[in-house]
Amino acid sequence: QVQLVESGGGLVQPGGSLGLSCTASGIIFSIYAMGWYRQAPGKQRELVARISSSGTTNYANFVKGRFTISRDNAKKMVYLQMNGLQPEDAAVYYCNRDQRFGSWDWGQGTQDTDSS
């Protein structure tokens, strides 16, 4: 059974930074493309960034140049470094496999809260 655990969220001022982490268990992590997604109150969950098994990255237009996704296959972890955070980035952030190829059960996510 796949388990995904996100961490690293918190309260942040506009222009601030957060580093999110996601650990995956129960899978051969290295073969899967992974993604970070977010869901703000009253909105649908949306893709933030994704990374292929070999490290190729893609970003949603609204985070390009501000967020960086990376992975460590040995540790079975995927990361999201978020810089230049804005109030509209406030959401619960989740990791999962690249949804174009399937989905696992969603974890609890980690909250990014705007402090302004």
Protein backbone atom coordinates (compact mmCIF):
# COMPACT_ATOMS: atom_id res chain seq x y z
CA GLN A 1 0.00 0.00 0.00
CA VAL A 2 1.34 3.39 -0.99
CA GLN A 3 1.70 5.97 1.73
CA LEU A 4 2.50 9.62 1.07
CA VAL A 5 3.42 11.99 3.87
CA GLU A 6 3.90 15.69 3.21
CA SER A 7 5.60 18.13 5.55
CA GLY A 8 7.14 21.58 5.69
CA GLY A 9 4.17 23.88 5.47
CA GLY A 10 3.67 26.87 7.71
CA LEU A 11 2.82 30.52 8.13
CA VAL A 12 4.64 32.76 5.69
CA GLN A 13 4.65 36.43 4.80
CA PRO A 14 4.32 37.63 1.22
CA GLY A 15 7.65 37.24 -0.49
CA GLY A 16 8.75 34.52 1.90
CA SER A 17 9.86 30.96 1.26
CA LEU A 18 8.92 27.46 2.30
CA GLY A 19 10.43 24.09 1.55
CA LEU A 20 8.04 21.17 1.33
CA SER A 21 8.97 17.52 1.53
CA CYS A 22 7.11 14.35 0.65
CA THR A 23 8.13 10.86 1.56
CA ALA A 24 6.69 7.85 -0.19
CA SER A 25 6.60 4.29 1.02
CA GLY A 26 5.27 1.05 -0.37
CA ILE A 27 6.49 1.66 -3.92
CA ILE A 28 9.55 1.44 -6.10
CA PHE A 29 9.76 5.21 -5.99
CA SER A 30 12.40 5.71 -8.64
CA ILE A 31 10.24 4.50 -11.53
CA TYR A 32 7.38 6.94 -10.97
CA ALA A 33 6.87 10.46 -12.21
CA MET A 34 5.78 12.56 -9.26
CA GLY A 35 3.92 15.80 -8.81
CA TRP A 36 3.02 18.46 -6.31
CA TYR A 37 -0.57 19.65 -6.28
CA ARG A 38 -2.46 22.22 -4.25
CA GLN A 39 -5.99 22.92 -3.21
CA ALA A 40 -7.20 26.25 -1.91
CA PRO A 41 -10.51 26.59 -0.04
CA GLY A 42 -13.43 26.39 -2.43
CA LYS A 43 -11.23 25.51 -5.38
CA GLN A 44 -10.32 22.33 -7.20
CA ARG A 45 -6.99 20.65 -6.69
CA GLU A 46 -4.50 21.80 -9.30
CA LEU A 47 -1.09 20.79 -10.55
CA VAL A 48 1.82 22.87 -9.30
CA ALA A 49 4.82 21.00 -10.67
CA ARG A 50 5.84 17.55 -11.78
CA ILE A 51 9.09 15.67 -12.18
CA SER A 52 9.76 12.59 -14.26
CA SER A 53 11.60 9.54 -13.00
CA SER A 54 14.73 10.90 -14.70
CA GLY A 55 14.35 14.42 -13.31
CA THR A 56 12.68 16.34 -16.13
CA THR A 57 10.51 19.06 -14.63
CA ASN A 58 7.39 20.94 -15.65
CA TYR A 59 5.67 23.79 -13.86
CA ALA A 60 2.31 25.45 -13.86
CA ASN A 61 2.57 28.93 -15.34
CA PHE A 62 1.62 30.56 -12.06
CA VAL A 63 4.74 29.22 -10.29
CA LYS A 64 7.37 29.34 -13.01
CA GLY A 65 10.52 31.00 -11.80
CA ARG A 66 9.42 30.86 -8.16
CA PHE A 67 9.05 27.17 -7.30
CA THR A 68 11.48 24.29 -7.82
CA ILE A 69 10.61 20.61 -7.70
CA SER A 70 13.29 18.00 -7.09
CA ARG A 71 13.57 14.41 -5.98
CA ASP A 72 15.92 12.04 -4.19
CA ASN A 73 15.24 8.51 -5.35
CA ALA A 74 17.51 6.94 -2.74
CA LYS A 75 15.49 8.56 0.03
CA LYS A 76 12.15 8.11 -1.76
CA MET A 77 11.43 11.79 -1.38
CA VAL A 78 10.21 14.63 -3.54
CA TYR A 79 10.67 18.27 -2.63
CA LEU A 80 9.12 21.59 -3.51
CA GLN A 81 11.07 24.76 -2.80
CA MET A 82 8.71 27.73 -2.89
CA ASN A 83 10.12 31.24 -3.10
CA GLY A 84 8.39 34.56 -3.58
CA LEU A 85 5.21 33.28 -1.99
CA GLN A 86 2.08 35.32 -2.52
CA PRO A 87 -1.30 35.26 -0.76
CA GLU A 88 -2.78 33.38 -3.70
CA ASP A 89 -0.33 30.54 -3.06
CA ALA A 90 -2.03 29.76 0.25
CA ALA A 91 -3.39 26.22 -0.02
CA VAL A 92 -2.94 22.68 1.15
CA TYR A 93 -0.11 21.12 -0.82
CA TYR A 94 -0.07 17.43 -1.71
CA CYS A 95 2.30 15.11 -3.49
CA ASN A 96 1.21 12.17 -5.60
CA ARG A 97 2.25 10.41 -8.71
CA ASP A 98 1.91 12.32 -11.98
CA GLN A 99 -1.85 12.21 -12.43
CA ARG A 100 -1.56 11.68 -16.17
CA PHE A 101 -0.51 8.11 -15.41
CA GLY A 102 -2.66 7.28 -12.41
CA SER A 103 -3.19 8.22 -8.79
CA TRP A 104 -2.56 6.91 -5.34
CA ASP A 105 -4.58 7.68 -2.23
CA TRP A 106 -3.98 11.28 -1.24
CA GLY A 107 -2.11 12.03 1.96
CA GLN A 108 -3.08 14.69 4.45
CA GLY A 109 -1.12 17.38 2.70
CA THR A 110 0.73 20.28 4.25
CA GLN A 111 -0.68 23.76 4.70
CA ASP A 112 0.83 26.95 3.39
CA THR A 113 -0.82 29.82 5.20
CA ASP A 114 -0.51 33.45 4.24
CA SER A 115 0.26 35.60 7.26
CA SER A 116 -0.60 39.00 5.75
